[in-house]
PDB file of all heavy atoms in Angstrom:
ATOM      1  N   ILE A   1      90.965  95.439  99.067  1.00  0.00           N
ATOM      2  CA  ILE A   1      90.452  94.247  99.780  1.00  0.00           C
ATOM      3  C   ILE A   1      89.220  94.511 100.483  1.00  0.00           C
ATOM      4  O   ILE A   1      89.061  95.474 101.208  1.00  0.00           O
ATOM      5  CB  ILE A   1      91.490  93.741 100.784  1.00  0.00           C
ATOM      6  CG1 ILE A   1      92.943  93.492 100.086  1.00  0.00           C
ATOM      7  CG2 ILE A   1      90.999  92.438 101.519  1.00  0.00           C
ATOM      8  CD1 ILE A   1      92.844  92.485  99.003  1.00  0.00           C
ATOM      9  N   ASN A   2      88.254  93.639 100.336  1.00  0.00           N
ATOM     10  CA  ASN A   2      86.944  93.709 100.970  1.00  0.00           C
ATOM     11  C   ASN A   2      86.485  92.340 101.370  1.00  0.00           C
ATOM     12  O   ASN A   2      87.198  91.353 101.127  1.00  0.00           O
ATOM     13  CB  ASN A   2      85.855  94.465  99.993  1.00  0.00           C
ATOM     14  CG  ASN A   2      85.851  93.714  98.669  1.00  0.00           C
ATOM     15  OD1 ASN A   2      85.642  92.530  98.604  1.00  0.00           O
ATOM     16  ND2 ASN A   2      85.821  94.488  97.621  1.00  0.00           N
ATOM     17  N   GLN A   3      85.379  92.283 101.949  1.00  0.00           N
ATOM     18  CA  GLN A   3      84.741  91.014 102.441  1.00  0.00           C
ATOM     19  C   GLN A   3      84.698  89.996 101.297  1.00  0.00           C
ATOM     20  O   GLN A   3      84.928  88.783 101.437  1.00  0.00           O
ATOM     21  CB  GLN A   3      83.409  91.103 103.017  1.00  0.00           C
ATOM     22  CG  GLN A   3      83.333  91.765 104.417  1.00  0.00           C
ATOM     23  CD  GLN A   3      83.920  90.840 105.511  1.00  0.00           C
ATOM     24  OE1 GLN A   3      85.113  90.731 105.761  1.00  0.00           O
ATOM     25  NE2 GLN A   3      83.057  90.101 106.116  1.00  0.00           N
ATOM     26  N   ARG A   4      84.270  90.462 100.137  1.00  0.00           N
ATOM     27  CA  ARG A   4      84.081  89.544  98.975  1.00  0.00           C
ATOM     28  C   ARG A   4      85.391  88.869  98.439  1.00  0.00           C
ATOM     29  O   ARG A   4      85.371  87.707  98.104  1.00  0.00           O
ATOM     30  CB  ARG A   4      83.377  90.272  97.850  1.00  0.00           C
ATOM     31  CG  ARG A   4      81.954  90.585  98.103  1.00  0.00           C
ATOM     32  CD  ARG A   4      81.201  91.171  96.902  1.00  0.00           C
ATOM     33  NE  ARG A   4      81.950  92.401  96.289  1.00  0.00           N
ATOM     34  CZ  ARG A   4      81.849  93.600  96.829  1.00  0.00           C
ATOM     35  NH1 ARG A   4      81.213  93.869  97.950  1.00  0.00           N
ATOM     36  NH2 ARG A   4      82.530  94.599  96.223  1.00  0.00           N
ATOM     37  N   ASN A   5      86.498  89.653  98.431  1.00  0.00           N
ATOM     38  CA  ASN A   5      87.740  89.087  97.853  1.00  0.00           C
ATOM     39  C   ASN A   5      88.764  88.701  98.844  1.00  0.00           C
ATOM     40  O   ASN A   5      89.847  88.214  98.542  1.00  0.00           O
ATOM     41  CB  ASN A   5      88.337  90.053  96.804  1.00  0.00           C
ATOM     42  CG  ASN A   5      88.862  91.269  97.372  1.00  0.00           C
ATOM     43  OD1 ASN A   5      88.926  91.538  98.610  1.00  0.00           O
ATOM     44  ND2 ASN A   5      89.210  92.230  96.521  1.00  0.00           N
ATOM     45  N   PHE A   6      88.443  88.818 100.191  1.00  0.00           N
ATOM     46  CA  PHE A   6      89.386  88.610 101.189  1.00  0.00           C
ATOM     47  C   PHE A   6      89.921  87.140 101.166  1.00  0.00           C
ATOM     48  O   PHE A   6      91.122  86.886 101.301  1.00  0.00           O
ATOM     49  CB  PHE A   6      88.830  88.835 102.597  1.00  0.00           C
ATOM     50  CG  PHE A   6      89.763  88.724 103.692  1.00  0.00           C
ATOM     51  CD1 PHE A   6      90.715  89.685 104.049  1.00  0.00           C
ATOM     52  CD2 PHE A   6      89.739  87.626 104.536  1.00  0.00           C
ATOM     53  CE1 PHE A   6      91.762  89.441 104.981  1.00  0.00           C
ATOM     54  CE2 PHE A   6      90.677  87.392 105.572  1.00  0.00           C
ATOM     55  CZ  PHE A   6      91.608  88.320 105.806  1.00  0.00           C
ATOM     56  N   GLN A   7      89.075  86.199 101.089  1.00  0.00           N
ATOM     57  CA  GLN A   7      89.329  84.838 101.042  1.00  0.00           C
ATOM     58  C   GLN A   7      90.379  84.497  99.948  1.00  0.00           C
ATOM     59  O   GLN A   7      91.343  83.926 100.068  1.00  0.00           O
ATOM     60  CB  GLN A   7      88.174  83.917 101.069  1.00  0.00           C
ATOM     61  CG  GLN A   7      88.385  82.391 101.069  1.00  0.00           C
ATOM     62  CD  GLN A   7      88.759  81.980 102.488  1.00  0.00           C
ATOM     63  OE1 GLN A   7      88.288  82.508 103.496  1.00  0.00           O
ATOM     64  NE2 GLN A   7      89.636  80.913 102.459  1.00  0.00           N
ATOM     65  N   THR A   8      89.962  84.917  98.724  1.00  0.00           N
ATOM     66  CA  THR A   8      90.764  84.612  97.522  1.00  0.00           C
ATOM     67  C   THR A   8      92.072  85.412  97.541  1.00  0.00           C
ATOM     68  O   THR A   8      93.114  84.762  97.299  1.00  0.00           O
ATOM     69  CB  THR A   8      89.970  85.034  96.273  1.00  0.00           C
ATOM     70  OG1 THR A   8      88.684  84.374  96.253  1.00  0.00           O
ATOM     71  CG2 THR A   8      90.696  84.752  95.006  1.00  0.00           C
ATOM     72  N   GLU A   9      92.077  86.688  97.764  1.00  0.00           N
ATOM     73  CA  GLU A   9      93.296  87.479  97.680  1.00  0.00           C
ATOM     74  C   GLU A   9      94.257  87.401  98.780  1.00  0.00           C
ATOM     75  O   GLU A   9      95.415  87.618  98.675  1.00  0.00           O
ATOM     76  CB  GLU A   9      92.902  88.909  97.394  1.00  0.00           C
ATOM     77  CG  GLU A   9      92.098  89.242  96.168  1.00  0.00           C
ATOM     78  CD  GLU A   9      92.995  88.967  94.868  1.00  0.00           C
ATOM     79  OE1 GLU A   9      94.231  88.883  95.002  1.00  0.00           O
ATOM     80  OE2 GLU A   9      92.380  88.954  93.749  1.00  0.00           O
ATOM     81  N   VAL A  10      93.673  87.074 100.035  1.00  0.00           N
ATOM     82  CA  VAL A  10      94.550  87.070 101.175  1.00  0.00           C
ATOM     83  C   VAL A  10      94.746  85.747 101.768  1.00  0.00           C
ATOM     84  O   VAL A  10      95.825  85.198 101.815  1.00  0.00           O
ATOM     85  CB  VAL A  10      94.015  88.109 102.178  1.00  0.00           C
ATOM     86  CG1 VAL A  10      94.849  88.066 103.521  1.00  0.00           C
ATOM     87  CG2 VAL A  10      93.930  89.540 101.770  1.00  0.00           C
ATOM     88  N   ILE A  11      93.658  85.100 102.128  1.00  0.00           N
ATOM     89  CA  ILE A  11      93.767  83.821 102.886  1.00  0.00           C
ATOM     90  C   ILE A  11      94.406  82.667 101.825  1.00  0.00           C
ATOM     91  O   ILE A  11      95.241  81.959 102.269  1.00  0.00           O
ATOM     92  CB  ILE A  11      92.376  83.270 103.342  1.00  0.00           C
ATOM     93  CG1 ILE A  11      91.847  84.280 104.382  1.00  0.00           C
ATOM     94  CG2 ILE A  11      92.492  81.943 103.929  1.00  0.00           C
ATOM     95  CD1 ILE A  11      92.651  84.395 105.628  1.00  0.00           C
ATOM     96  N   ASN A  12      93.821  82.712 100.669  1.00  0.00           N
ATOM     97  CA  ASN A  12      94.388  81.654  99.651  1.00  0.00           C
ATOM     98  C   ASN A  12      95.619  82.099  98.868  1.00  0.00           C
ATOM     99  O   ASN A  12      95.959  81.346  97.943  1.00  0.00           O
ATOM    100  CB  ASN A  12      93.230  81.289  98.735  1.00  0.00           C
ATOM    101  CG  ASN A  12      91.994  80.745  99.406  1.00  0.00           C
ATOM    102  OD1 ASN A  12      92.212  80.164 100.529  1.00  0.00           O
ATOM    103  ND2 ASN A  12      90.957  80.727  98.780  1.00  0.00           N
ATOM    104  N   SER A  13      96.148  83.153  99.205  1.00  0.00           N
ATOM    105  CA  SER A  13      97.296  83.769  98.377  1.00  0.00           C
ATOM    106  C   SER A  13      98.534  82.885  98.558  1.00  0.00           C
ATOM    107  O   SER A  13      98.842  82.385  99.674  1.00  0.00           O
ATOM    108  CB  SER A  13      97.646  85.123  98.878  1.00  0.00           C
ATOM    109  OG  SER A  13      98.788  85.631  98.174  1.00  0.00           O
ATOM    110  N   ASP A  14      99.293  82.635  97.443  1.00  0.00           N
ATOM    111  CA  ASP A  14     100.457  81.933  97.501  1.00  0.00           C
ATOM    112  C   ASP A  14     101.638  82.809  97.754  1.00  0.00           C
ATOM    113  O   ASP A  14     102.835  82.276  97.932  1.00  0.00           O
ATOM    114  CB  ASP A  14     100.655  81.067  96.184  1.00  0.00           C
ATOM    115  CG  ASP A  14     100.663  81.987  94.909  1.00  0.00           C
ATOM    116  OD1 ASP A  14     100.253  83.197  95.013  1.00  0.00           O
ATOM    117  OD2 ASP A  14     101.011  81.517  93.872  1.00  0.00           O
ATOM    118  N   LYS A  15     101.372  84.049  97.843  1.00  0.00           N
ATOM    119  CA  LYS A  15     102.479  85.041  98.229  1.00  0.00           C
ATOM    120  C   LYS A  15     102.199  85.616  99.528  1.00  0.00           C
ATOM    121  O   LYS A  15     100.952  85.766  99.960  1.00  0.00           O
ATOM    122  CB  LYS A  15     102.537  86.178  97.196  1.00  0.00           C
ATOM    123  CG  LYS A  15     102.799  85.723  95.812  1.00  0.00           C
ATOM    124  CD  LYS A  15     102.650  87.006  94.906  1.00  0.00           C
ATOM    125  CE  LYS A  15     102.815  86.684  93.479  1.00  0.00           C
ATOM    126  NZ  LYS A  15     102.695  87.825  92.539  1.00  0.00           N
ATOM    127  N   PRO A  16     103.162  86.173 100.279  1.00  0.00           N
ATOM    128  CA  PRO A  16     102.873  87.062 101.470  1.00  0.00           C
ATOM    129  C   PRO A  16     102.018  88.258 101.110  1.00  0.00           C
ATOM    130  O   PRO A  16     102.129  88.738 100.016  1.00  0.00           O
ATOM    131  CB  PRO A  16     104.204  87.443 102.029  1.00  0.00           C
ATOM    132  CG  PRO A  16     105.195  86.425 101.450  1.00  0.00           C
ATOM    133  CD  PRO A  16     104.570  86.108 100.054  1.00  0.00           C
ATOM    134  N   VAL A  17     101.128  88.595 102.010  1.00  0.00           N
ATOM    135  CA  VAL A  17     100.180  89.804 101.729  1.00  0.00           C
ATOM    136  C   VAL A  17     100.468  90.803 102.743  1.00  0.00           C
ATOM    137  O   VAL A  17     100.433  90.542 103.982  1.00  0.00           O
ATOM    138  CB  VAL A  17      98.733  89.325 101.688  1.00  0.00           C
ATOM    139  CG1 VAL A  17      97.882  90.600 101.402  1.00  0.00           C
ATOM    140  CG2 VAL A  17      98.513  88.299 100.673  1.00  0.00           C
ATOM    141  N   LEU A  18     100.742  92.041 102.337  1.00  0.00           N
ATOM    142  CA  LEU A  18     100.915  93.218 103.235  1.00  0.00           C
ATOM    143  C   LEU A  18      99.538  93.976 103.160  1.00  0.00           C
ATOM    144  O   LEU A  18      99.213  94.550 102.097  1.00  0.00           O
ATOM    145  CB  LEU A  18     102.109  94.042 102.826  1.00  0.00           C
ATOM    146  CG  LEU A  18     102.203  95.448 103.492  1.00  0.00           C
ATOM    147  CD1 LEU A  18     102.459  95.224 105.028  1.00  0.00           C
ATOM    148  CD2 LEU A  18     103.402  96.232 102.916  1.00  0.00           C
ATOM    149  N   LEU A  19      98.910  93.929 104.310  1.00  0.00           N
ATOM    150  CA  LEU A  19      97.586  94.613 104.316  1.00  0.00           C
ATOM    151  C   LEU A  19      97.663  96.006 105.061  1.00  0.00           C
ATOM    152  O   LEU A  19      98.308  96.047 106.062  1.00  0.00           O
ATOM    153  CB  LEU A  19      96.514  93.812 105.137  1.00  0.00           C
ATOM    154  CG  LEU A  19      96.057  92.529 104.541  1.00  0.00           C
ATOM    155  CD1 LEU A  19      95.075  91.772 105.595  1.00  0.00           C
ATOM    156  CD2 LEU A  19      95.210  92.782 103.263  1.00  0.00           C
ATOM    157  N   ASP A  20      97.124  97.058 104.449  1.00  0.00           N
ATOM    158  CA  ASP A  20      97.063  98.417 105.002  1.00  0.00           C
ATOM    159  C   ASP A  20      95.705  98.713 105.298  1.00  0.00           C
ATOM    160  O   ASP A  20      94.753  98.800 104.502  1.00  0.00           O
ATOM    161  CB  ASP A  20      97.631  99.309 103.911  1.00  0.00           C
ATOM    162  CG  ASP A  20      97.581 100.799 104.289  1.00  0.00           C
ATOM    163  OD1 ASP A  20      97.548 101.058 105.594  1.00  0.00           O
ATOM    164  OD2 ASP A  20      97.305 101.573 103.382  1.00  0.00           O
ATOM    165  N   PHE A  21      95.478  98.892 106.692  1.00  0.00           N
ATOM    166  CA  PHE A  21      94.094  99.258 107.141  1.00  0.00           C
ATOM    167  C   PHE A  21      94.162 100.763 107.193  1.00  0.00           C
ATOM    168  O   PHE A  21      95.046 101.325 107.987  1.00  0.00           O
ATOM    169  CB  PHE A  21      93.778  98.575 108.534  1.00  0.00           C
ATOM    170  CG  PHE A  21      93.481  97.184 108.368  1.00  0.00           C
ATOM    171  CD1 PHE A  21      94.624  96.188 108.357  1.00  0.00           C
ATOM    172  CD2 PHE A  21      92.181  96.734 108.212  1.00  0.00           C
ATOM    173  CE1 PHE A  21      94.294  94.964 108.358  1.00  0.00           C
ATOM    174  CE2 PHE A  21      91.965  95.338 108.114  1.00  0.00           C
ATOM    175  CZ  PHE A  21      92.943  94.490 108.287  1.00  0.00           C
ATOM    176  N   TRP A  22      93.312 101.468 106.444  1.00  0.00           N
ATOM    177  CA  TRP A  22      93.444 102.938 106.212  1.00  0.00           C
ATOM    178  C   TRP A  22      92.087 103.528 106.144  1.00  0.00           C
ATOM    179  O   TRP A  22      91.068 102.927 106.133  1.00  0.00           O
ATOM    180  CB  TRP A  22      94.263 103.235 104.957  1.00  0.00           C
ATOM    181  CG  TRP A  22      93.459 102.853 103.817  1.00  0.00           C
ATOM    182  CD1 TRP A  22      93.296 101.570 103.248  1.00  0.00           C
ATOM    183  CD2 TRP A  22      92.741 103.737 102.852  1.00  0.00           C
ATOM    184  NE1 TRP A  22      92.519 101.576 102.176  1.00  0.00           N
ATOM    185  CE2 TRP A  22      92.182 102.886 101.947  1.00  0.00           C
ATOM    186  CE3 TRP A  22      92.673 105.125 102.877  1.00  0.00           C
ATOM    187  CZ2 TRP A  22      91.480 103.493 100.962  1.00  0.00           C
ATOM    188  CZ3 TRP A  22      91.892 105.701 101.813  1.00  0.00           C
ATOM    189  CH2 TRP A  22      91.265 104.862 100.803  1.00  0.00           C
ATOM    190  N   ALA A  23      92.047 104.941 106.141  1.00  0.00           N
ATOM    191  CA  ALA A  23      90.821 105.625 105.873  1.00  0.00           C
ATOM    192  C   ALA A  23      91.208 106.954 105.090  1.00  0.00           C
ATOM    193  O   ALA A  23      92.317 107.461 105.296  1.00  0.00           O
ATOM    194  CB  ALA A  23      90.096 105.951 107.146  1.00  0.00           C
ATOM    195  N   SER A  24      90.303 107.454 104.255  1.00  0.00           N
ATOM    196  CA  SER A  24      90.684 108.646 103.445  1.00  0.00           C
ATOM    197  C   SER A  24      90.903 109.871 104.343  1.00  0.00           C
ATOM    198  O   SER A  24      91.626 110.752 103.930  1.00  0.00           O
ATOM    199  CB  SER A  24      89.520 108.886 102.415  1.00  0.00           C
ATOM    200  OG  SER A  24      88.263 109.101 103.120  1.00  0.00           O
ATOM    201  N   TRP A  25      90.271 110.016 105.523  1.00  0.00           N
ATOM    202  CA  TRP A  25      90.460 111.216 106.343  1.00  0.00           C
ATOM    203  C   TRP A  25      91.717 111.084 107.208  1.00  0.00           C
ATOM    204  O   TRP A  25      92.036 112.013 107.969  1.00  0.00           O
ATOM    205  CB  TRP A  25      89.198 111.343 107.229  1.00  0.00           C
ATOM    206  CG  TRP A  25      88.793 110.027 107.838  1.00  0.00           C
ATOM    207  CD1 TRP A  25      87.894 109.185 107.429  1.00  0.00           C
ATOM    208  CD2 TRP A  25      89.318 109.471 109.080  1.00  0.00           C
ATOM    209  NE1 TRP A  25      87.748 108.055 108.335  1.00  0.00           N
ATOM    210  CE2 TRP A  25      88.703 108.279 109.314  1.00  0.00           C
ATOM    211  CE3 TRP A  25      90.343 109.800 109.957  1.00  0.00           C
ATOM    212  CZ2 TRP A  25      88.992 107.372 110.333  1.00  0.00           C
ATOM    213  CZ3 TRP A  25      90.698 109.048 111.002  1.00  0.00           C
ATOM    214  CH2 TRP A  25      89.987 107.771 111.296  1.00  0.00           C
ATOM    215  N   CYS A  26      92.486 110.030 107.083  1.00  0.00           N
ATOM    216  CA  CYS A  26      93.678 109.836 108.010  1.00  0.00           C
ATOM    217  C   CYS A  26      94.928 110.346 107.361  1.00  0.00           C
ATOM    218  O   CYS A  26      95.417 109.807 106.335  1.00  0.00           O
ATOM    219  CB  CYS A  26      93.722 108.295 108.272  1.00  0.00           C
ATOM    220  SG  CYS A  26      95.285 107.775 109.036  1.00  0.00           S
ATOM    221  N   GLY A  27      95.496 111.370 107.965  1.00  0.00           N
ATOM    222  CA  GLY A  27      96.803 112.051 107.412  1.00  0.00           C
ATOM    223  C   GLY A  27      97.878 110.984 107.434  1.00  0.00           C
ATOM    224  O   GLY A  27      98.544 110.922 106.385  1.00  0.00           O
ATOM    225  N   PRO A  28      98.228 110.262 108.470  1.00  0.00           N
ATOM    226  CA  PRO A  28      99.345 109.392 108.469  1.00  0.00           C
ATOM    227  C   PRO A  28      99.083 108.196 107.417  1.00  0.00           C
ATOM    228  O   PRO A  28      99.960 107.741 106.750  1.00  0.00           O
ATOM    229  CB  PRO A  28      99.434 108.738 109.831  1.00  0.00           C
ATOM    230  CG  PRO A  28      98.838 109.798 110.671  1.00  0.00           C
ATOM    231  CD  PRO A  28      97.754 110.480 109.871  1.00  0.00           C
ATOM    232  N   CYS A  29      97.820 107.916 107.132  1.00  0.00           N
ATOM    233  CA  CYS A  29      97.493 106.870 106.156  1.00  0.00           C
ATOM    234  C   CYS A  29      97.916 107.431 104.727  1.00  0.00           C
ATOM    235  O   CYS A  29      98.463 106.695 103.884  1.00  0.00           O
ATOM    236  CB  CYS A  29      96.059 106.526 106.123  1.00  0.00           C
ATOM    237  SG  CYS A  29      95.478 105.785 107.640  1.00  0.00           S
ATOM    238  N   ARG A  30      97.628 108.756 104.456  1.00  0.00           N
ATOM    239  CA  ARG A  30      97.997 109.384 103.201  1.00  0.00           C
ATOM    240  C   ARG A  30      99.481 109.416 103.052  1.00  0.00           C
ATOM    241  O   ARG A  30     100.012 109.387 101.919  1.00  0.00           O
ATOM    242  CB  ARG A  30      97.400 110.733 103.150  1.00  0.00           C
ATOM    243  CG  ARG A  30      95.798 110.660 102.896  1.00  0.00           C
ATOM    244  CD  ARG A  30      95.248 111.929 102.394  1.00  0.00           C
ATOM    245  NE  ARG A  30      95.540 113.090 103.344  1.00  0.00           N
ATOM    246  CZ  ARG A  30      94.540 113.361 104.260  1.00  0.00           C
ATOM    247  NH1 ARG A  30      93.446 112.694 104.529  1.00  0.00           N
ATOM    248  NH2 ARG A  30      94.944 114.332 105.046  1.00  0.00           N
ATOM    249  N   MET A  31     100.248 109.571 104.160  1.00  0.00           N
ATOM    250  CA  MET A  31     101.773 109.583 104.125  1.00  0.00           C
ATOM    251  C   MET A  31     102.222 108.132 103.717  1.00  0.00           C
ATOM    252  O   MET A  31     103.238 108.091 103.045  1.00  0.00           O
ATOM    253  CB  MET A  31     102.326 109.968 105.429  1.00  0.00           C
ATOM    254  CG  MET A  31     102.101 111.445 105.800  1.00  0.00           C
ATOM    255  SD  MET A  31     102.491 111.856 107.517  1.00  0.00           S
ATOM    256  CE  MET A  31     103.942 110.917 107.825  1.00  0.00           C
ATOM    257  N   VAL A  32     101.667 107.095 104.218  1.00  0.00           N
ATOM    258  CA  VAL A  32     102.111 105.762 103.925  1.00  0.00           C
ATOM    259  C   VAL A  32     101.688 105.209 102.564  1.00  0.00           C
ATOM    260  O   VAL A  32     102.466 104.391 101.907  1.00  0.00           O
ATOM    261  CB  VAL A  32     101.606 104.817 105.004  1.00  0.00           C
ATOM    262  CG1 VAL A  32     101.760 103.367 104.727  1.00  0.00           C
ATOM    263  CG2 VAL A  32     102.195 105.138 106.405  1.00  0.00           C
ATOM    264  N   ALA A  33     100.625 105.734 102.046  1.00  0.00           N
ATOM    265  CA  ALA A  33     100.025 105.302 100.800  1.00  0.00           C
ATOM    266  C   ALA A  33     101.028 105.272  99.629  1.00  0.00           C
ATOM    267  O   ALA A  33     101.229 104.156  98.911  1.00  0.00           O
ATOM    268  CB  ALA A  33      98.800 106.035 100.349  1.00  0.00           C
ATOM    269  N   PRO A  34     101.796 106.301  99.326  1.00  0.00           N
ATOM    270  CA  PRO A  34     102.825 106.226  98.220  1.00  0.00           C
ATOM    271  C   PRO A  34     103.836 105.272  98.424  1.00  0.00           C
ATOM    272  O   PRO A  34     104.409 104.560  97.511  1.00  0.00           O
ATOM    273  CB  PRO A  34     103.305 107.613  98.070  1.00  0.00           C
ATOM    274  CG  PRO A  34     102.804 108.431  99.260  1.00  0.00           C
ATOM    275  CD  PRO A  34     101.814 107.607  99.983  1.00  0.00           C
ATOM    276  N   ILE A  35     104.304 105.061  99.696  1.00  0.00           N
ATOM    277  CA  ILE A  35     105.348 103.993 100.114  1.00  0.00           C
ATOM    278  C   ILE A  35     104.850 102.646  99.709  1.00  0.00           C
ATOM    279  O   ILE A  35     105.595 101.866  99.171  1.00  0.00           O
ATOM    280  CB  ILE A  35     105.737 104.081 101.585  1.00  0.00           C
ATOM    281  CG1 ILE A  35     106.357 105.478 101.827  1.00  0.00           C
ATOM    282  CG2 ILE A  35     106.606 103.002 101.956  1.00  0.00           C
ATOM    283  CD1 ILE A  35     106.537 105.717 103.322  1.00  0.00           C
ATOM    284  N   LEU A  36     103.513 102.303 100.066  1.00  0.00           N
ATOM    285  CA  LEU A  36     103.001 101.084  99.754  1.00  0.00           C
ATOM    286  C   LEU A  36     102.834 100.850  98.351  1.00  0.00           C
ATOM    287  O   LEU A  36     102.981  99.721  97.823  1.00  0.00           O
ATOM    288  CB  LEU A  36     101.639 100.855 100.524  1.00  0.00           C
ATOM    289  CG  LEU A  36     101.718 100.892 101.983  1.00  0.00           C
ATOM    290  CD1 LEU A  36     100.373 100.904 102.648  1.00  0.00           C
ATOM    291  CD2 LEU A  36     102.553  99.736 102.544  1.00  0.00           C
ATOM    292  N   GLU A  37     102.468 101.897  97.566  1.00  0.00           N
ATOM    293  CA  GLU A  37     102.373 101.746  96.074  1.00  0.00           C
ATOM    294  C   GLU A  37     103.709 101.403  95.501  1.00  0.00           C
ATOM    295  O   GLU A  37     103.921 100.674  94.639  1.00  0.00           O
ATOM    296  CB  GLU A  37     101.744 102.964  95.476  1.00  0.00           C
ATOM    297  CG  GLU A  37     100.294 103.136  95.713  1.00  0.00           C
ATOM    298  CD  GLU A  37      99.455 102.069  95.020  1.00  0.00           C
ATOM    299  OE1 GLU A  37      99.884 101.428  94.086  1.00  0.00           O
ATOM    300  OE2 GLU A  37      98.290 101.894  95.482  1.00  0.00           O
TER     301      GLU A  37
END
């Protein structure tokens, strides 16, 4: 998700959206990533 597709994919979505705010250098983010997939 980025600024360009946020409106279409998130705001206008007909389904609930689970957003994960993350960074590549974040250890806990890497732990959560496979769960979200």
